[in-house]
Amino acid sequence: MYLVIQKGYALFGRGATAEQAVADMKQWIDSDSEMQNWTVDEFNTSYDSANDGEFVLVLATDELLSTYQ
């Protein structure tokens, strides 16, 4: 399972594939956000190196799921 997380804040999307997680995230962000046009390739994929508040696209881990659920 893939997750789109705003680091330090909230889980915004999840899906069986990265593309599904991004599509799910787009339902929860503002309709006029520039992120509505983002693709999988535009996300940081390293949770550890991401800054607080940055959106990341990562594989789910037990630790991330317990932190953001």
PDB file of N, CA and C in Angstrom:
ATOM      1  N   MET A   1       0.838  -1.166   0.000  1.00  0.00           N
ATOM      2  CA  MET A   1       0.000   0.000   0.000  1.00  0.00           C
ATOM      3  C   MET A   1       0.891   1.239   0.000  1.00  0.00           C
ATOM      4  N   TYR A   2       0.480   2.234  -0.755  1.00  0.00           N
ATOM      5  CA  TYR A   2       1.177   3.514  -0.834  1.00  0.00           C
ATOM      6  C   TYR A   2       0.391   4.568  -0.062  1.00  0.00           C
ATOM      7  N   LEU A   3       1.126   5.522   0.487  1.00  0.00           N
ATOM      8  CA  LEU A   3       0.522   6.609   1.248  1.00  0.00           C
ATOM      9  C   LEU A   3       1.030   7.947   0.745  1.00  0.00           C
ATOM     10  N   VAL A   4       0.155   8.943   0.741  1.00  0.00           N
ATOM     11  CA  VAL A   4       0.563  10.331   0.554  1.00  0.00           C
ATOM     12  C   VAL A   4       0.357  10.997   1.909  1.00  0.00           C
ATOM     13  N   ILE A   5       1.460  11.475   2.472  1.00  0.00           N
ATOM     14  CA  ILE A   5       1.448  12.048   3.808  1.00  0.00           C
ATOM     15  C   ILE A   5       1.980  13.465   3.748  1.00  0.00           C
ATOM     16  N   GLN A   6       1.324  14.359   4.472  1.00  0.00           N
ATOM     17  CA  GLN A   6       1.923  15.665   4.720  1.00  0.00           C
ATOM     18  C   GLN A   6       2.691  15.479   6.023  1.00  0.00           C
ATOM     19  N   LYS A   7       4.002  15.396   5.911  1.00  0.00           N
ATOM     20  CA  LYS A   7       4.849  15.008   7.046  1.00  0.00           C
ATOM     21  C   LYS A   7       4.592  15.886   8.268  1.00  0.00           C
ATOM     22  N   GLY A   8       4.334  15.196   9.371  1.00  0.00           N
ATOM     23  CA  GLY A   8       4.095  15.877  10.631  1.00  0.00           C
ATOM     24  C   GLY A   8       2.661  16.299  10.850  1.00  0.00           C
ATOM     25  N   TYR A   9       1.788  16.082   9.833  1.00  0.00           N
ATOM     26  CA  TYR A   9       0.421  16.571   9.950  1.00  0.00           C
ATOM     27  C   TYR A   9      -0.642  15.505   9.721  1.00  0.00           C
ATOM     28  N   ALA A  10      -0.746  14.982   8.496  1.00  0.00           N
ATOM     29  CA  ALA A  10      -1.882  14.109   8.219  1.00  0.00           C
ATOM     30  C   ALA A  10      -1.632  13.204   7.018  1.00  0.00           C
ATOM     31  N   LEU A  11      -2.394  12.147   6.996  1.00  0.00           N
ATOM     32  CA  LEU A  11      -2.442  11.232   5.855  1.00  0.00           C
ATOM     33  C   LEU A  11      -3.468  11.785   4.877  1.00  0.00           C
ATOM     34  N   PHE A  12      -3.083  11.976   3.630  1.00  0.00           N
ATOM     35  CA  PHE A  12      -3.978  12.558   2.632  1.00  0.00           C
ATOM     36  C   PHE A  12      -4.437  11.568   1.578  1.00  0.00           C
ATOM     37  N   GLY A  13      -3.747  10.469   1.398  1.00  0.00           N
ATOM     38  CA  GLY A  13      -4.164   9.512   0.377  1.00  0.00           C
ATOM     39  C   GLY A  13      -3.548   8.159   0.614  1.00  0.00           C
ATOM     40  N   ARG A  14      -4.255   7.153   0.144  1.00  0.00           N
ATOM     41  CA  ARG A  14      -3.732   5.800   0.199  1.00  0.00           C
ATOM     42  C   ARG A  14      -4.250   5.024  -0.991  1.00  0.00           C
ATOM     43  N   GLY A  15      -3.488   4.010  -1.407  1.00  0.00           N
ATOM     44  CA  GLY A  15      -3.906   3.196  -2.529  1.00  0.00           C
ATOM     45  C   GLY A  15      -2.992   2.004  -2.721  1.00  0.00           C
ATOM     46  N   ALA A  16      -3.469   1.040  -3.473  1.00  0.00           N
ATOM     47  CA  ALA A  16      -2.688  -0.156  -3.764  1.00  0.00           C
ATOM     48  C   ALA A  16      -1.488   0.173  -4.647  1.00  0.00           C
ATOM     49  N   THR A  17      -1.612   1.227  -5.440  1.00  0.00           N
ATOM     50  CA  THR A  17      -0.512   1.692  -6.278  1.00  0.00           C
ATOM     51  C   THR A  17      -0.227   3.148  -5.934  1.00  0.00           C
ATOM     52  N   ALA A  18       0.935   3.618  -6.359  1.00  0.00           N
ATOM     53  CA  ALA A  18       1.285   5.017  -6.132  1.00  0.00           C
ATOM     54  C   ALA A  18       0.279   5.936  -6.818  1.00  0.00           C
ATOM     55  N   GLU A  19      -0.135   5.569  -8.011  1.00  0.00           N
ATOM     56  CA  GLU A  19      -1.097   6.380  -8.757  1.00  0.00           C
ATOM     57  C   GLU A  19      -2.439   6.469  -8.022  1.00  0.00           C
ATOM     58  N   GLN A  20      -2.875   5.376  -7.415  1.00  0.00           N
ATOM     59  CA  GLN A  20      -4.136   5.386  -6.675  1.00  0.00           C
ATOM     60  C   GLN A  20      -4.032   6.259  -5.428  1.00  0.00           C
ATOM     61  N   ALA A  21      -2.885   6.223  -4.766  1.00  0.00           N
ATOM     62  CA  ALA A  21      -2.688   7.065  -3.581  1.00  0.00           C
ATOM     63  C   ALA A  21      -2.730   8.542  -3.950  1.00  0.00           C
ATOM     64  N   VAL A  22      -2.119   8.901  -5.064  1.00  0.00           N
ATOM     65  CA  VAL A  22      -2.132  10.295  -5.518  1.00  0.00           C
ATOM     66  C   VAL A  22      -3.556  10.709  -5.899  1.00  0.00           C
ATOM     67  N   ALA A  23      -4.285   9.849  -6.586  1.00  0.00           N
ATOM     68  CA  ALA A  23      -5.669  10.162  -6.952  1.00  0.00           C
ATOM     69  C   ALA A  23      -6.528  10.349  -5.695  1.00  0.00           C
ATOM     70  N   ASP A  24      -6.315   9.527  -4.685  1.00  0.00           N
ATOM     71  CA  ASP A  24      -7.056   9.660  -3.433  1.00  0.00           C
ATOM     72  C   ASP A  24      -6.723  10.981  -2.747  1.00  0.00           C
ATOM     73  N   MET A  25      -5.451  11.367  -2.742  1.00  0.00           N
ATOM     74  CA  MET A  25      -5.030  12.625  -2.137  1.00  0.00           C
ATOM     75  C   MET A  25      -5.740  13.811  -2.783  1.00  0.00           C
ATOM     76  N   LYS A  26      -5.919  13.746  -4.085  1.00  0.00           N
ATOM     77  CA  LYS A  26      -6.513  14.877  -4.809  1.00  0.00           C
ATOM     78  C   LYS A  26      -7.959  15.140  -4.395  1.00  0.00           C
ATOM     79  N   GLN A  27      -8.609  14.167  -3.788  1.00  0.00           N
ATOM     80  CA  GLN A  27      -9.973  14.365  -3.301  1.00  0.00           C
ATOM     81  C   GLN A  27     -10.000  15.219  -2.039  1.00  0.00           C
ATOM     82  N   TRP A  28      -8.866  15.294  -1.332  1.00  0.00           N
ATOM     83  CA  TRP A  28      -8.831  15.934  -0.025  1.00  0.00           C
ATOM     84  C   TRP A  28      -8.133  17.282  -0.013  1.00  0.00           C
ATOM     85  N   ILE A  29      -7.529  17.673  -1.114  1.00  0.00           N
ATOM     86  CA  ILE A  29      -6.877  18.979  -1.164  1.00  0.00           C
ATOM     87  C   ILE A  29      -7.768  19.963  -1.908  1.00  0.00           C
ATOM     88  N   ASP A  30      -7.475  21.228  -1.768  1.00  0.00           N
ATOM     89  CA  ASP A  30      -8.290  22.259  -2.419  1.00  0.00           C
ATOM     90  C   ASP A  30      -8.337  22.051  -3.928  1.00  0.00           C
ATOM     91  N   SER A  31      -9.483  22.303  -4.506  1.00  0.00           N
ATOM     92  CA  SER A  31      -9.663  22.088  -5.943  1.00  0.00           C
ATOM     93  C   SER A  31      -8.811  23.028  -6.789  1.00  0.00           C
ATOM     94  N   ASP A  32      -8.398  24.158  -6.219  1.00  0.00           N
ATOM     95  CA  ASP A  32      -7.552  25.085  -6.971  1.00  0.00           C
ATOM     96  C   ASP A  32      -6.068  24.945  -6.631  1.00  0.00           C
ATOM     97  N   SER A  33      -5.707  23.931  -5.870  1.00  0.00           N
ATOM     98  CA  SER A  33      -4.304  23.698  -5.516  1.00  0.00           C
ATOM     99  C   SER A  33      -3.526  23.247  -6.740  1.00  0.00           C
ATOM    100  N   GLU A  34      -2.281  23.732  -6.855  1.00  0.00           N
ATOM    101  CA  GLU A  34      -1.418  23.291  -7.956  1.00  0.00           C
ATOM    102  C   GLU A  34      -1.147  21.788  -7.880  1.00  0.00           C
ATOM    103  N   MET A  35      -1.312  21.211  -6.709  1.00  0.00           N
ATOM    104  CA  MET A  35      -1.073  19.771  -6.537  1.00  0.00           C
ATOM    105  C   MET A  35      -2.121  18.916  -7.257  1.00  0.00           C
ATOM    106  N   GLN A  36      -3.220  19.503  -7.676  1.00  0.00           N
ATOM    107  CA  GLN A  36      -4.216  18.766  -8.465  1.00  0.00           C
ATOM    108  C   GLN A  36      -3.605  18.260  -9.768  1.00  0.00           C
ATOM    109  N   ASN A  37      -2.545  18.889 -10.232  1.00  0.00           N
ATOM    110  CA  ASN A  37      -1.896  18.494 -11.484  1.00  0.00           C
ATOM    111  C   ASN A  37      -0.658  17.633 -11.277  1.00  0.00           C
ATOM    112  N   TRP A  38      -0.295  17.369 -10.031  1.00  0.00           N
ATOM    113  CA  TRP A  38       0.906  16.582  -9.753  1.00  0.00           C
ATOM    114  C   TRP A  38       0.724  15.135 -10.170  1.00  0.00           C
ATOM    115  N   THR A  39       1.831  14.543 -10.589  1.00  0.00           N
ATOM    116  CA  THR A  39       1.868  13.112 -10.878  1.00  0.00           C
ATOM    117  C   THR A  39       2.765  12.445  -9.840  1.00  0.00           C
ATOM    118  N   VAL A  40       2.837  11.149  -9.895  1.00  0.00           N
ATOM    119  CA  VAL A  40       3.655  10.375  -8.963  1.00  0.00           C
ATOM    120  C   VAL A  40       5.089  10.888  -8.921  1.00  0.00           C
ATOM    121  N   ASP A  41       5.621  11.265 -10.055  1.00  0.00           N
ATOM    122  CA  ASP A  41       7.021  11.677 -10.157  1.00  0.00           C
ATOM    123  C   ASP A  41       7.347  12.987  -9.447  1.00  0.00           C
ATOM    124  N   GLU A  42       6.347  13.745  -9.068  1.00  0.00           N
ATOM    125  CA  GLU A  42       6.594  15.054  -8.470  1.00  0.00           C
ATOM    126  C   GLU A  42       6.671  15.036  -6.948  1.00  0.00           C
ATOM    127  N   PHE A  43       6.463  13.885  -6.350  1.00  0.00           N
ATOM    128  CA  PHE A  43       6.498  13.765  -4.900  1.00  0.00           C
ATOM    129  C   PHE A  43       7.873  13.324  -4.411  1.00  0.00           C
ATOM    130  N   ASN A  44       8.262  13.834  -3.259  1.00  0.00           N
ATOM    131  CA  ASN A  44       9.412  13.304  -2.555  1.00  0.00           C
ATOM    132  C   ASN A  44       9.023  11.886  -2.107  1.00  0.00           C
ATOM    133  N   THR A  45       9.914  10.944  -2.255  1.00  0.00           N
ATOM    134  CA  THR A  45       9.608   9.560  -1.875  1.00  0.00           C
ATOM    135  C   THR A  45      10.430   9.104  -0.669  1.00  0.00           C
ATOM    136  N   SER A  46      11.064  10.042   0.005  1.00  0.00           N
ATOM    137  CA  SER A  46      11.840   9.722   1.200  1.00  0.00           C
ATOM    138  C   SER A  46      11.246  10.447   2.398  1.00  0.00           C
ATOM    139  N   TYR A  47      10.545   9.708   3.228  1.00  0.00           N
ATOM    140  CA  TYR A  47       9.936  10.305   4.410  1.00  0.00           C
ATOM    141  C   TYR A  47      11.000  10.909   5.329  1.00  0.00           C
ATOM    142  N   ASP A  48      12.089  10.193   5.518  1.00  0.00           N
ATOM    143  CA  ASP A  48      13.118  10.633   6.456  1.00  0.00           C
ATOM    144  C   ASP A  48      13.782  11.940   6.051  1.00  0.00           C
ATOM    145  N   SER A  49      13.959  12.176   4.772  1.00  0.00           N
ATOM    146  CA  SER A  49      14.622  13.407   4.342  1.00  0.00           C
ATOM    147  C   SER A  49      13.651  14.548   4.074  1.00  0.00           C
ATOM    148  N   ALA A  50      12.353  14.293   4.156  1.00  0.00           N
ATOM    149  CA  ALA A  50      11.350  15.335   3.901  1.00  0.00           C
ATOM    150  C   ALA A  50      11.293  16.317   5.064  1.00  0.00           C
ATOM    151  N   ASN A  51      10.967  17.546   4.742  1.00  0.00           N
ATOM    152  CA  ASN A  51      10.767  18.579   5.759  1.00  0.00           C
ATOM    153  C   ASN A  51       9.354  18.477   6.322  1.00  0.00           C
ATOM    154  N   ASP A  52       9.163  18.939   7.552  1.00  0.00           N
ATOM    155  CA  ASP A  52       7.817  18.992   8.112  1.00  0.00           C
ATOM    156  C   ASP A  52       6.919  19.815   7.198  1.00  0.00           C
ATOM    157  N   GLY A  53       5.731  19.313   6.934  1.00  0.00           N
ATOM    158  CA  GLY A  53       4.774  19.988   6.074  1.00  0.00           C
ATOM    159  C   GLY A  53       4.867  19.586   4.620  1.00  0.00           C
ATOM    160  N   GLU A  54       5.945  18.925   4.229  1.00  0.00           N
ATOM    161  CA  GLU A  54       6.120  18.498   2.840  1.00  0.00           C
ATOM    162  C   GLU A  54       5.282  17.247   2.567  1.00  0.00           C
ATOM    163  N   PHE A  55       4.687  17.183   1.392  1.00  0.00           N
ATOM    164  CA  PHE A  55       3.951  15.999   0.983  1.00  0.00           C
ATOM    165  C   PHE A  55       4.920  14.955   0.444  1.00  0.00           C
ATOM    166  N   VAL A  56       4.766  13.713   0.915  1.00  0.00           N
ATOM    167  CA  VAL A  56       5.617  12.611   0.475  1.00  0.00           C
ATOM    168  C   VAL A  56       4.742  11.449   0.021  1.00  0.00           C
ATOM    169  N   LEU A  57       5.269  10.681  -0.902  1.00  0.00           N
ATOM    170  CA  LEU A  57       4.609   9.482  -1.415  1.00  0.00           C
ATOM    171  C   LEU A  57       5.504   8.306  -1.061  1.00  0.00           C
ATOM    172  N   VAL A  58       5.020   7.446  -0.172  1.00  0.00           N
ATOM    173  CA  VAL A  58       5.856   6.375   0.362  1.00  0.00           C
ATOM    174  C   VAL A  58       5.077   5.062   0.464  1.00  0.00           C
ATOM    175  N   LEU A  59       5.829   3.984   0.545  1.00  0.00           N
ATOM    176  CA  LEU A  59       5.229   2.694   0.862  1.00  0.00           C
ATOM    177  C   LEU A  59       4.836   2.705   2.334  1.00  0.00           C
ATOM    178  N   ALA A  60       3.694   2.125   2.640  1.00  0.00           N
ATOM    179  CA  ALA A  60       3.216   2.081   4.016  1.00  0.00           C
ATOM    180  C   ALA A  60       4.110   1.185   4.863  1.00  0.00           C
ATOM    181  N   THR A  61       4.360   1.635   6.077  1.00  0.00           N
ATOM    182  CA  THR A  61       5.027   0.812   7.082  1.00  0.00           C
ATOM    183  C   THR A  61       4.132   0.805   8.315  1.00  0.00           C
ATOM    184  N   ASP A  62       4.338  -0.159   9.187  1.00  0.00           N
ATOM    185  CA  ASP A  62       3.552  -0.209  10.420  1.00  0.00           C
ATOM    186  C   ASP A  62       3.715   1.070  11.221  1.00  0.00           C
ATOM    187  N   GLU A  63       4.943   1.596  11.256  1.00  0.00           N
ATOM    188  CA  GLU A  63       5.210   2.809  12.008  1.00  0.00           C
ATOM    189  C   GLU A  63       4.446   4.007  11.433  1.00  0.00           C
ATOM    190  N   LEU A  64       4.475   4.174  10.123  1.00  0.00           N
ATOM    191  CA  LEU A  64       3.744   5.287   9.500  1.00  0.00           C
ATOM    192  C   LEU A  64       2.239   5.143   9.706  1.00  0.00           C
ATOM    193  N   LEU A  65       1.736   3.932   9.548  1.00  0.00           N
ATOM    194  CA  LEU A  65       0.303   3.717   9.726  1.00  0.00           C
ATOM    195  C   LEU A  65      -0.131   4.029  11.156  1.00  0.00           C
ATOM    196  N   SER A  66       0.677   3.645  12.138  1.00  0.00           N
ATOM    197  CA  SER A  66       0.296   3.932  13.537  1.00  0.00           C
ATOM    198  C   SER A  66       0.420   5.417  13.835  1.00  0.00           C
ATOM    199  N   THR A  67       1.342   6.106  13.186  1.00  0.00           N
ATOM    200  CA  THR A  67       1.516   7.546  13.420  1.00  0.00           C
ATOM    201  C   THR A  67       0.388   8.363  12.802  1.00  0.00           C
ATOM    202  N   TYR A  68      -0.074   7.960  11.623  1.00  0.00           N
ATOM    203  CA  TYR A  68      -1.030   8.797  10.872  1.00  0.00           C
ATOM    204  C   TYR A  68      -2.452   8.263  10.839  1.00  0.00           C
ATOM    205  N   GLN A  69      -2.764   7.284  11.667  1.00  0.00           N
ATOM    206  CA  GLN A  69      -4.164   6.820  11.699  1.00  0.00           C
ATOM    207  C   GLN A  69      -4.823   7.142  12.995  1.00  0.00           C
TER     208      GLN A  69
END
